Protein backbone atom coordinates (compact mmCIF):
# COMPACT_ATOMS: atom_id res chain seq x y z
CA UNK A 1 38.12 -89.39 -70.25
CA UNK A 2 40.73 -90.17 -72.89
CA UNK A 3 39.88 -92.66 -75.59
CA UNK A 4 42.74 -95.22 -75.70
CA UNK A 5 42.50 -95.28 -79.50
CA UNK A 6 43.52 -91.61 -79.59
CA UNK A 7 46.89 -92.58 -78.10
CA UNK A 8 47.70 -95.19 -80.72
CA UNK A 9 50.35 -94.53 -83.30
CA UNK A 10 48.36 -93.44 -86.39
CA UNK A 11 49.71 -96.31 -88.51
CA UNK A 12 49.28 -98.91 -85.77
CA UNK A 13 47.88 -102.26 -86.79
CA UNK A 14 46.68 -103.13 -83.29
CA UNK A 15 42.89 -103.15 -83.11
CA UNK A 16 40.97 -101.91 -80.06
CA UNK A 17 39.55 -105.43 -79.68
CA UNK A 18 43.07 -106.89 -79.51
CA UNK A 19 44.02 -104.33 -76.85
CA UNK A 20 40.92 -105.13 -74.80
CA UNK A 21 41.51 -108.88 -75.08
CA UNK A 22 45.20 -108.61 -74.10
CA UNK A 23 44.40 -106.48 -71.06
CA UNK A 24 41.58 -108.80 -69.99
CA UNK A 25 43.86 -111.86 -70.21
CA UNK A 26 46.68 -110.13 -68.30
CA UNK A 27 44.40 -108.93 -65.50
CA UNK A 28 42.70 -112.31 -65.27
CA UNK A 29 46.08 -114.03 -64.92
CA UNK A 30 47.47 -111.48 -62.48
CA UNK A 31 44.44 -110.94 -60.26
CA UNK A 32 42.49 -114.21 -60.58
CA UNK A 33 39.22 -114.48 -58.68
CA UNK A 34 40.52 -112.92 -55.46
CA UNK A 35 41.63 -109.63 -56.98
CA UNK A 36 44.61 -107.71 -55.69
CA UNK A 37 44.51 -108.70 -52.04
CA UNK A 38 47.24 -106.23 -51.06
CA UNK A 39 45.30 -103.26 -52.45
CA UNK A 40 42.03 -104.52 -51.00
CA UNK A 41 43.60 -104.99 -47.56
CA UNK A 42 45.54 -101.74 -47.38
CA UNK A 43 43.75 -99.07 -49.43
CA UNK A 44 40.26 -97.93 -48.36
CA UNK A 45 37.82 -98.01 -51.28
CA UNK A 46 37.19 -94.25 -51.27
CA UNK A 47 40.90 -93.31 -51.28
CA UNK A 48 41.81 -90.93 -54.08
CA UNK A 49 45.39 -90.77 -55.31
CA UNK A 50 47.46 -89.09 -57.94
CA UNK A 51 50.23 -90.70 -59.90
CA UNK A 52 52.65 -89.39 -62.47
CA UNK A 53 54.06 -91.67 -65.14
CA UNK A 54 57.59 -90.46 -65.87
CA UNK A 55 60.03 -91.80 -68.46
CA UNK A 56 63.01 -93.34 -66.63
CA UNK A 57 65.22 -92.85 -69.67
CA UNK A 58 65.06 -91.45 -73.18
CA UNK A 59 63.24 -93.62 -75.66
CA UNK A 60 60.03 -94.13 -77.60
CA UNK A 61 56.63 -94.66 -75.97
CA UNK A 62 55.02 -98.02 -76.60
CA UNK A 63 51.94 -99.53 -74.95
CA UNK A 64 50.30 -96.41 -73.52
CA UNK A 65 46.83 -97.42 -74.84
CA UNK A 66 47.17 -100.77 -73.04
CA UNK A 67 48.04 -99.00 -69.80
CA UNK A 68 45.00 -96.75 -70.16
CA UNK A 69 42.65 -99.66 -70.89
CA UNK A 70 44.08 -101.50 -67.88
CA UNK A 71 43.35 -98.55 -65.60
CA UNK A 72 39.85 -98.12 -67.06
CA UNK A 73 39.06 -101.81 -66.44
CA UNK A 74 40.23 -101.51 -62.83
CA UNK A 75 38.22 -98.33 -62.28
CA UNK A 76 35.84 -97.02 -64.97
CA UNK A 77 35.80 -93.52 -63.44
CA UNK A 78 39.57 -93.13 -63.60
CA UNK A 79 40.91 -89.85 -64.93
CA UNK A 80 43.97 -89.80 -67.16
CA UNK A 81 45.79 -86.94 -68.82
CA UNK A 82 48.28 -88.24 -71.36
CA UNK A 83 51.02 -85.92 -72.58
CA UNK A 84 52.26 -88.13 -75.43
CA UNK A 85 50.98 -90.93 -77.64
CA UNK A 86 52.48 -94.19 -78.81
CA UNK A 87 55.61 -93.85 -80.96
CA UNK A 88 56.42 -90.43 -79.49
CA UNK A 89 60.03 -89.85 -78.48
CA UNK A 90 60.51 -88.97 -74.81
CA UNK A 91 63.40 -87.63 -72.81
CA UNK A 92 64.52 -88.98 -69.45
CA UNK A 93 62.32 -87.46 -66.76
CA UNK A 94 59.56 -86.38 -69.15
CA UNK A 95 56.00 -86.69 -67.83
CA UNK A 96 54.11 -89.20 -69.98
CA UNK A 97 50.74 -89.14 -68.15
CA UNK A 98 49.27 -88.04 -64.85
CA UNK A 99 46.11 -87.71 -62.78
CA UNK A 100 45.50 -91.41 -62.40
CA UNK A 101 42.89 -92.26 -59.75
CA UNK A 102 41.49 -93.87 -57.49
CA UNK A 103 44.14 -95.27 -55.20
CA UNK A 104 43.31 -98.97 -55.45
CA UNK A 105 43.40 -98.90 -59.26
CA UNK A 106 46.81 -97.24 -59.24
CA UNK A 107 48.29 -99.78 -56.82
CA UNK A 108 46.66 -102.75 -58.58
CA UNK A 109 47.89 -101.58 -61.99
CA UNK A 110 51.45 -101.44 -60.84
CA UNK A 111 51.75 -98.78 -58.21
CA UNK A 112 54.93 -96.85 -57.64
CA UNK A 113 58.13 -98.49 -58.87
């Protein structure tokens, strides 16, 4: 499993505690006590899925550690293979990360767009 801190820009001033707190607050606000009812109702618990995070346009990666922490909070056994780290330039269509599982965690975290 990837350590989210390894994806931070080396000179980043964002602490791992701040990342964890921000993700916790966002999930708490988004999911509340009921959780993601759409994912719970439509995706069987044992469903495995694969997702690929692709850059829609050229730019600079920002927030990848937060995305990873979000996925890990939704499913501690999630597998992620990141191809870049924060502050890395990316081209349109470049794969940023892949192998995100299980299915409910992917859909709850944002699913396909």
